[in-house]
């Protein structure tokens, strides 16, 4: 399942661009705010790569999906309207991950103490059951 991702600073920049470039009278525009689209597996691999660079031993596990939707489906987002009004990504996702992980490293022990709560326990069917590891994920090619 792929989704679009955008650094928060870029989101604020996109909003500014939209305000500074208003639509013409009667014009309808859609701005899909994203820099790149990634699957969860691709993000996990990037996290492993960046974590390894920072001296972390990153393990990737595949969990059962708490959502009621297909894990694979058509996704073809378009950001052309943002590019037309001047949006340029400030940095790539790996650079953003490096910043975030570096900020979190001093808190590693506290995060690891609470690691279990980072795994979803709310199901889309309204029940509560913590997602379980299905298998260790294979590297994305």
N, C-alpha and C. Protein backbone atom coordinates (compact mmCIF):
# COMPACT_ATOMS: atom_id res chain seq x y z
N UNK A 1 0.84 -1.16 0.00
CA UNK A 1 0.00 0.00 0.00
C UNK A 1 0.90 1.24 0.00
N UNK A 2 0.78 2.06 -1.00
CA UNK A 2 1.58 3.28 -1.08
C UNK A 2 0.77 4.48 -0.63
N UNK A 3 1.49 5.44 -0.07
CA UNK A 3 0.89 6.70 0.34
C UNK A 3 1.90 7.82 0.08
N UNK A 4 1.39 9.03 -0.06
CA UNK A 4 2.25 10.18 -0.27
C UNK A 4 2.77 10.72 1.05
N UNK A 5 4.01 11.23 1.02
CA UNK A 5 4.64 11.77 2.22
C UNK A 5 5.22 13.14 1.92
N UNK A 6 5.15 14.01 2.92
CA UNK A 6 5.60 15.38 2.77
C UNK A 6 6.11 15.87 4.12
N UNK A 7 7.33 16.43 4.15
CA UNK A 7 7.80 17.02 5.41
C UNK A 7 6.87 18.16 5.84
N UNK A 8 6.69 18.33 7.14
CA UNK A 8 5.78 19.35 7.66
C UNK A 8 6.15 20.73 7.13
N UNK A 9 7.45 21.06 7.07
CA UNK A 9 7.85 22.38 6.58
C UNK A 9 7.39 22.57 5.12
N UNK A 10 7.39 21.48 4.35
CA UNK A 10 6.93 21.56 2.96
C UNK A 10 5.41 21.75 2.91
N UNK A 11 4.70 21.15 3.84
CA UNK A 11 3.25 21.33 3.89
C UNK A 11 2.90 22.79 4.12
N UNK A 12 3.62 23.41 5.03
CA UNK A 12 3.38 24.83 5.31
C UNK A 12 3.72 25.67 4.08
N UNK A 13 4.79 25.30 3.38
CA UNK A 13 5.17 26.02 2.16
C UNK A 13 4.09 25.86 1.08
N UNK A 14 3.54 24.66 0.94
CA UNK A 14 2.48 24.42 -0.04
C UNK A 14 1.25 25.27 0.26
N UNK A 15 0.88 25.37 1.53
CA UNK A 15 -0.26 26.20 1.92
C UNK A 15 -0.01 27.67 1.58
N UNK A 16 1.21 28.12 1.83
CA UNK A 16 1.58 29.50 1.50
C UNK A 16 1.48 29.74 0.00
N UNK A 17 2.01 28.80 -0.79
CA UNK A 17 1.94 28.93 -2.25
C UNK A 17 0.49 28.99 -2.74
N UNK A 18 -0.37 28.15 -2.16
CA UNK A 18 -1.78 28.12 -2.57
C UNK A 18 -2.46 29.46 -2.26
N UNK A 19 -2.14 30.04 -1.10
CA UNK A 19 -2.73 31.33 -0.74
C UNK A 19 -2.19 32.44 -1.64
N UNK A 20 -0.90 32.37 -1.95
CA UNK A 20 -0.28 33.40 -2.78
C UNK A 20 -0.67 33.30 -4.26
N UNK A 21 -1.19 32.14 -4.66
CA UNK A 21 -1.61 31.92 -6.05
C UNK A 21 -3.07 31.45 -6.05
N UNK A 22 -4.00 32.34 -5.76
CA UNK A 22 -5.41 31.93 -5.66
C UNK A 22 -5.97 31.45 -7.00
N UNK A 23 -6.97 30.62 -6.92
CA UNK A 23 -7.65 30.13 -8.12
C UNK A 23 -8.40 31.28 -8.79
N UNK A 24 -8.53 31.15 -10.08
CA UNK A 24 -9.34 32.13 -10.83
C UNK A 24 -10.80 31.95 -10.44
N UNK A 25 -11.61 32.98 -10.65
CA UNK A 25 -13.03 32.91 -10.33
C UNK A 25 -13.65 31.72 -11.07
N UNK A 26 -14.32 30.83 -10.31
CA UNK A 26 -14.96 29.66 -10.88
C UNK A 26 -14.04 28.47 -11.10
N UNK A 27 -12.74 28.64 -10.87
CA UNK A 27 -11.78 27.54 -11.06
C UNK A 27 -11.77 26.63 -9.84
N UNK A 28 -11.72 25.34 -10.08
CA UNK A 28 -11.60 24.35 -9.00
C UNK A 28 -10.24 23.70 -9.12
N UNK A 29 -9.47 23.75 -8.05
CA UNK A 29 -8.15 23.13 -8.05
C UNK A 29 -8.02 22.19 -6.87
N UNK A 30 -7.25 21.13 -7.06
CA UNK A 30 -6.94 20.18 -6.00
C UNK A 30 -5.43 20.16 -5.84
N UNK A 31 -4.96 20.27 -4.61
CA UNK A 31 -3.54 20.18 -4.32
C UNK A 31 -3.28 18.94 -3.48
N UNK A 32 -2.70 17.94 -4.07
CA UNK A 32 -2.29 16.75 -3.33
C UNK A 32 -0.90 17.03 -2.79
N UNK A 33 -0.83 17.25 -1.49
CA UNK A 33 0.45 17.61 -0.87
C UNK A 33 1.28 16.36 -0.59
N UNK A 34 2.28 16.13 -1.43
CA UNK A 34 3.24 15.07 -1.16
C UNK A 34 4.48 15.33 -1.99
N UNK A 35 5.60 14.86 -1.49
CA UNK A 35 6.86 14.96 -2.22
C UNK A 35 7.11 13.66 -2.96
N UNK A 36 6.91 12.54 -2.28
CA UNK A 36 7.13 11.22 -2.86
C UNK A 36 6.08 10.26 -2.32
N UNK A 37 5.88 9.15 -3.00
CA UNK A 37 4.95 8.11 -2.54
C UNK A 37 5.75 6.85 -2.25
N UNK A 38 5.49 6.25 -1.09
CA UNK A 38 6.23 5.06 -0.66
C UNK A 38 5.26 4.06 -0.05
N UNK A 39 5.63 2.79 -0.14
CA UNK A 39 4.90 1.75 0.57
C UNK A 39 5.48 1.66 1.98
N UNK A 40 4.74 1.02 2.87
CA UNK A 40 5.23 0.81 4.23
C UNK A 40 6.53 0.00 4.19
N UNK A 41 6.60 -0.99 3.30
CA UNK A 41 7.81 -1.81 3.18
C UNK A 41 9.00 -0.96 2.73
N UNK A 42 8.77 -0.04 1.79
CA UNK A 42 9.85 0.84 1.34
C UNK A 42 10.30 1.76 2.46
N UNK A 43 9.36 2.30 3.23
CA UNK A 43 9.71 3.16 4.37
C UNK A 43 10.50 2.38 5.42
N UNK A 44 10.08 1.14 5.65
CA UNK A 44 10.80 0.30 6.62
C UNK A 44 12.24 0.08 6.19
N UNK A 45 12.45 -0.20 4.91
CA UNK A 45 13.81 -0.41 4.41
C UNK A 45 14.64 0.86 4.52
N UNK A 46 14.03 2.01 4.20
CA UNK A 46 14.75 3.28 4.35
C UNK A 46 15.11 3.53 5.81
N UNK A 47 14.18 3.19 6.70
CA UNK A 47 14.43 3.36 8.13
C UNK A 47 15.59 2.48 8.57
N UNK A 48 15.61 1.24 8.08
CA UNK A 48 16.71 0.34 8.42
C UNK A 48 18.04 0.94 7.93
N UNK A 49 18.05 1.42 6.70
CA UNK A 49 19.28 2.00 6.12
C UNK A 49 19.77 3.20 6.92
N UNK A 50 18.86 4.12 7.21
CA UNK A 50 19.23 5.32 7.97
C UNK A 50 19.62 4.95 9.40
N UNK A 51 18.85 4.04 10.01
CA UNK A 51 19.17 3.60 11.37
C UNK A 51 20.55 2.96 11.44
N UNK A 52 20.89 2.15 10.47
CA UNK A 52 22.21 1.51 10.43
C UNK A 52 23.30 2.57 10.34
N UNK A 53 23.07 3.60 9.52
CA UNK A 53 24.03 4.71 9.42
C UNK A 53 24.26 5.37 10.78
N UNK A 54 23.22 5.39 11.62
CA UNK A 54 23.30 6.03 12.93
C UNK A 54 23.69 5.05 14.04
N UNK A 55 24.07 3.82 13.65
CA UNK A 55 24.52 2.84 14.63
C UNK A 55 23.41 2.05 15.30
N UNK A 56 22.21 2.06 14.74
CA UNK A 56 21.10 1.31 15.30
C UNK A 56 20.96 -0.04 14.62
N UNK A 57 20.50 -1.02 15.37
CA UNK A 57 20.21 -2.34 14.81
C UNK A 57 18.70 -2.39 14.57
N UNK A 58 18.29 -2.13 13.34
CA UNK A 58 16.87 -2.02 13.02
C UNK A 58 16.34 -3.35 12.50
N UNK A 59 15.35 -3.88 13.18
CA UNK A 59 14.69 -5.12 12.78
C UNK A 59 13.33 -4.76 12.18
N UNK A 60 13.02 -5.35 11.04
CA UNK A 60 11.74 -5.10 10.38
C UNK A 60 10.87 -6.34 10.52
N UNK A 61 9.67 -6.14 11.03
CA UNK A 61 8.69 -7.22 11.14
C UNK A 61 7.45 -6.87 10.35
N UNK A 62 6.78 -7.88 9.84
CA UNK A 62 5.52 -7.70 9.14
C UNK A 62 4.40 -8.07 10.11
N UNK A 63 3.50 -7.11 10.35
CA UNK A 63 2.38 -7.31 11.27
C UNK A 63 1.10 -7.55 10.50
N UNK A 64 0.15 -8.23 11.14
CA UNK A 64 -1.16 -8.35 10.53
C UNK A 64 -1.77 -6.96 10.45
N UNK A 65 -2.57 -6.74 9.43
CA UNK A 65 -3.11 -5.43 9.13
C UNK A 65 -4.40 -5.20 9.93
N UNK A 66 -4.44 -4.16 10.79
CA UNK A 66 -5.65 -3.88 11.56
C UNK A 66 -6.74 -3.22 10.73
N UNK A 67 -6.42 -2.82 9.51
CA UNK A 67 -7.38 -2.13 8.65
C UNK A 67 -8.17 -3.12 7.80
N UNK A 68 -9.32 -2.70 7.35
CA UNK A 68 -10.16 -3.54 6.50
C UNK A 68 -10.07 -3.03 5.07
N UNK A 69 -8.92 -3.24 4.47
CA UNK A 69 -8.71 -2.84 3.09
C UNK A 69 -7.60 -3.71 2.50
N UNK A 70 -7.51 -3.73 1.21
CA UNK A 70 -6.47 -4.51 0.57
C UNK A 70 -5.10 -3.88 0.83
N UNK A 71 -4.09 -4.71 1.04
CA UNK A 71 -2.75 -4.18 1.24
C UNK A 71 -2.16 -3.69 -0.08
N UNK A 72 -2.61 -4.23 -1.18
CA UNK A 72 -2.16 -3.81 -2.51
C UNK A 72 -3.36 -3.24 -3.26
N UNK A 73 -3.24 -2.02 -3.75
CA UNK A 73 -4.30 -1.44 -4.55
C UNK A 73 -3.73 -0.31 -5.40
N UNK A 74 -4.50 0.13 -6.37
CA UNK A 74 -4.08 1.18 -7.29
C UNK A 74 -3.92 2.49 -6.53
N UNK A 75 -2.80 3.16 -6.77
CA UNK A 75 -2.54 4.46 -6.14
C UNK A 75 -1.69 5.26 -7.11
N UNK A 76 -2.24 6.34 -7.63
CA UNK A 76 -1.52 7.14 -8.61
C UNK A 76 -1.77 8.63 -8.31
N UNK A 77 -1.15 9.15 -7.25
CA UNK A 77 -1.39 10.55 -6.88
C UNK A 77 -0.73 11.51 -7.87
N UNK A 78 -1.26 12.71 -7.92
CA UNK A 78 -0.77 13.72 -8.85
C UNK A 78 -0.47 15.00 -8.07
N UNK A 79 0.72 15.54 -8.24
CA UNK A 79 1.07 16.79 -7.56
C UNK A 79 1.36 17.92 -8.54
N UNK A 80 0.92 17.76 -9.78
CA UNK A 80 1.20 18.74 -10.83
C UNK A 80 0.76 20.15 -10.47
N UNK A 81 -0.42 20.29 -9.83
CA UNK A 81 -0.89 21.64 -9.49
C UNK A 81 0.06 22.34 -8.52
N UNK A 82 0.67 21.59 -7.62
CA UNK A 82 1.64 22.21 -6.71
C UNK A 82 2.90 22.63 -7.46
N UNK A 83 3.37 21.78 -8.35
CA UNK A 83 4.57 22.11 -9.12
C UNK A 83 4.33 23.35 -9.98
N UNK A 84 3.12 23.51 -10.50
CA UNK A 84 2.79 24.66 -11.35
C UNK A 84 2.88 25.98 -10.60
N UNK A 85 2.63 25.96 -9.29
CA UNK A 85 2.69 27.22 -8.53
C UNK A 85 4.01 27.38 -7.77
N UNK A 86 4.97 26.48 -8.06
CA UNK A 86 6.32 26.70 -7.53
C UNK A 86 6.80 25.77 -6.44
N UNK A 87 6.06 24.71 -6.10
CA UNK A 87 6.53 23.81 -5.05
C UNK A 87 7.76 23.03 -5.51
N UNK A 88 8.76 23.04 -4.65
CA UNK A 88 9.95 22.22 -4.83
C UNK A 88 10.22 21.55 -3.48
N UNK A 89 10.36 20.21 -3.44
CA UNK A 89 10.64 19.53 -2.17
C UNK A 89 11.90 20.09 -1.51
N UNK A 90 11.85 20.24 -0.20
CA UNK A 90 13.00 20.79 0.53
C UNK A 90 14.09 19.74 0.76
N UNK A 91 13.69 18.49 0.93
CA UNK A 91 14.66 17.41 1.11
C UNK A 91 13.96 16.07 0.93
N UNK A 92 14.75 15.01 0.80
CA UNK A 92 14.16 13.69 0.59
C UNK A 92 13.79 13.05 1.92
N UNK A 93 13.04 11.97 1.84
CA UNK A 93 12.52 11.31 3.04
C UNK A 93 13.66 10.79 3.92
N UNK A 94 14.71 10.26 3.33
CA UNK A 94 15.83 9.74 4.14
C UNK A 94 16.47 10.86 4.95
N UNK A 95 16.60 12.04 4.36
CA UNK A 95 17.17 13.17 5.11
C UNK A 95 16.28 13.54 6.29
N UNK A 96 14.97 13.52 6.05
CA UNK A 96 14.01 13.81 7.13
C UNK A 96 14.11 12.74 8.23
N UNK A 97 14.25 11.48 7.82
CA UNK A 97 14.40 10.39 8.79
C UNK A 97 15.65 10.57 9.64
N UNK A 98 16.76 10.96 8.99
CA UNK A 98 18.01 11.18 9.74
C UNK A 98 17.81 12.23 10.82
N UNK A 99 17.14 13.32 10.47
CA UNK A 99 16.87 14.38 11.46
C UNK A 99 16.01 13.85 12.60
N UNK A 100 14.93 13.13 12.25
CA UNK A 100 14.02 12.63 13.28
C UNK A 100 14.70 11.62 14.19
N UNK A 101 15.42 10.66 13.60
CA UNK A 101 16.09 9.65 14.42
C UNK A 101 17.17 10.26 15.30
N UNK A 102 17.90 11.23 14.77
CA UNK A 102 18.92 11.91 15.58
C UNK A 102 18.28 12.62 16.77
N UNK A 103 17.10 13.23 16.54
CA UNK A 103 16.38 13.89 17.64
C UNK A 103 15.88 12.88 18.67
N UNK A 104 15.52 11.67 18.22
CA UNK A 104 14.96 10.65 19.11
C UNK A 104 16.03 9.83 19.84
N UNK A 105 17.23 9.75 19.30
CA UNK A 105 18.27 8.90 19.91
C UNK A 105 18.50 9.16 21.39
N UNK A 106 18.52 10.40 21.86
CA UNK A 106 18.70 10.61 23.30
C UNK A 106 17.59 10.01 24.16
N UNK A 107 16.45 9.69 23.55
CA UNK A 107 15.30 9.15 24.27
C UNK A 107 15.09 7.66 23.99
N UNK A 108 16.09 7.01 23.42
CA UNK A 108 15.96 5.62 22.98
C UNK A 108 15.49 4.69 24.11
N UNK A 109 16.06 4.80 25.29
CA UNK A 109 15.70 3.90 26.40
C UNK A 109 14.22 4.06 26.76
N UNK A 110 13.73 5.29 26.84
CA UNK A 110 12.32 5.53 27.16
C UNK A 110 11.41 4.98 26.07
N UNK A 111 11.81 5.15 24.82
CA UNK A 111 11.00 4.65 23.71
C UNK A 111 10.94 3.14 23.75
N UNK A 112 12.07 2.49 23.98
CA UNK A 112 12.10 1.03 24.01
C UNK A 112 11.27 0.47 25.15
N UNK A 113 11.21 1.18 26.28
CA UNK A 113 10.36 0.75 27.40
C UNK A 113 8.88 0.70 27.00
N UNK A 114 8.50 1.54 26.08
CA UNK A 114 7.09 1.65 25.65
C UNK A 114 6.87 1.09 24.24
N UNK A 115 7.81 0.33 23.72
CA UNK A 115 7.74 -0.15 22.33
C UNK A 115 6.43 -0.87 22.02
N UNK A 116 5.89 -1.61 22.97
CA UNK A 116 4.66 -2.37 22.73
C UNK A 116 3.50 -1.48 22.33
N UNK A 117 3.40 -0.29 22.92
CA UNK A 117 2.26 0.57 22.62
C UNK A 117 2.35 1.20 21.24
N UNK A 118 3.49 1.07 20.57
CA UNK A 118 3.62 1.60 19.22
C UNK A 118 2.97 0.68 18.19
N UNK A 119 2.63 -0.54 18.60
CA UNK A 119 1.98 -1.50 17.72
C UNK A 119 0.47 -1.31 17.87
N UNK A 120 -0.25 -1.15 16.75
CA UNK A 120 -1.70 -0.89 16.84
C UNK A 120 -2.47 -1.96 17.61
N UNK A 121 -3.45 -1.50 18.41
CA UNK A 121 -4.33 -2.46 19.09
C UNK A 121 -5.80 -2.16 18.79
N UNK A 122 -6.05 -1.19 17.94
CA UNK A 122 -7.42 -0.86 17.55
C UNK A 122 -7.64 -1.39 16.13
N UNK A 123 -8.72 -2.17 15.96
CA UNK A 123 -9.04 -2.76 14.67
C UNK A 123 -10.13 -1.92 14.01
N UNK A 124 -10.17 -1.94 12.70
CA UNK A 124 -11.19 -1.18 11.98
C UNK A 124 -12.58 -1.75 12.19
N UNK A 125 -12.68 -2.98 12.70
CA UNK A 125 -14.00 -3.55 12.96
C UNK A 125 -14.51 -3.16 14.35
N UNK A 126 -13.77 -2.32 15.06
CA UNK A 126 -14.19 -1.83 16.37
C UNK A 126 -13.67 -2.62 17.55
N UNK A 127 -13.06 -3.78 17.30
CA UNK A 127 -12.51 -4.57 18.39
C UNK A 127 -11.11 -4.07 18.74
N UNK A 128 -10.59 -4.60 19.85
CA UNK A 128 -9.23 -4.25 20.26
C UNK A 128 -8.43 -5.54 20.36
N UNK A 129 -7.35 -5.58 19.62
CA UNK A 129 -6.41 -6.70 19.67
C UNK A 129 -5.12 -6.18 19.06
N UNK A 130 -4.04 -6.26 19.84
CA UNK A 130 -2.76 -5.78 19.34
C UNK A 130 -2.34 -6.59 18.12
N UNK A 131 -1.89 -5.91 17.07
CA UNK A 131 -1.40 -6.60 15.87
C UNK A 131 -0.23 -7.49 16.25
N UNK A 132 -0.16 -8.64 15.60
CA UNK A 132 0.89 -9.62 15.89
C UNK A 132 1.87 -9.69 14.72
N UNK A 133 3.10 -10.05 15.04
CA UNK A 133 4.12 -10.24 14.01
C UNK A 133 3.76 -11.48 13.21
N UNK A 134 3.69 -11.32 11.90
CA UNK A 134 3.44 -12.46 11.02
C UNK A 134 4.76 -13.12 10.67
N UNK A 135 5.74 -12.28 10.30
CA UNK A 135 7.08 -12.78 9.95
C UNK A 135 8.02 -11.60 9.88
N UNK A 136 9.31 -11.88 9.96
CA UNK A 136 10.28 -10.83 9.73
C UNK A 136 10.21 -10.52 8.25
N UNK A 137 10.15 -9.24 7.92
CA UNK A 137 9.99 -8.83 6.53
C UNK A 137 11.28 -9.10 5.74
N UNK A 138 11.07 -9.48 4.50
CA UNK A 138 12.19 -9.67 3.58
C UNK A 138 12.59 -8.29 3.04
N UNK A 139 13.89 -8.10 2.74
CA UNK A 139 14.30 -6.80 2.16
C UNK A 139 13.57 -6.51 0.86
N UNK A 140 13.21 -5.25 0.66
CA UNK A 140 12.55 -4.81 -0.56
C UNK A 140 13.61 -4.71 -1.65
N UNK A 141 13.32 -5.24 -2.81
CA UNK A 141 14.27 -5.19 -3.93
C UNK A 141 14.12 -3.92 -4.69
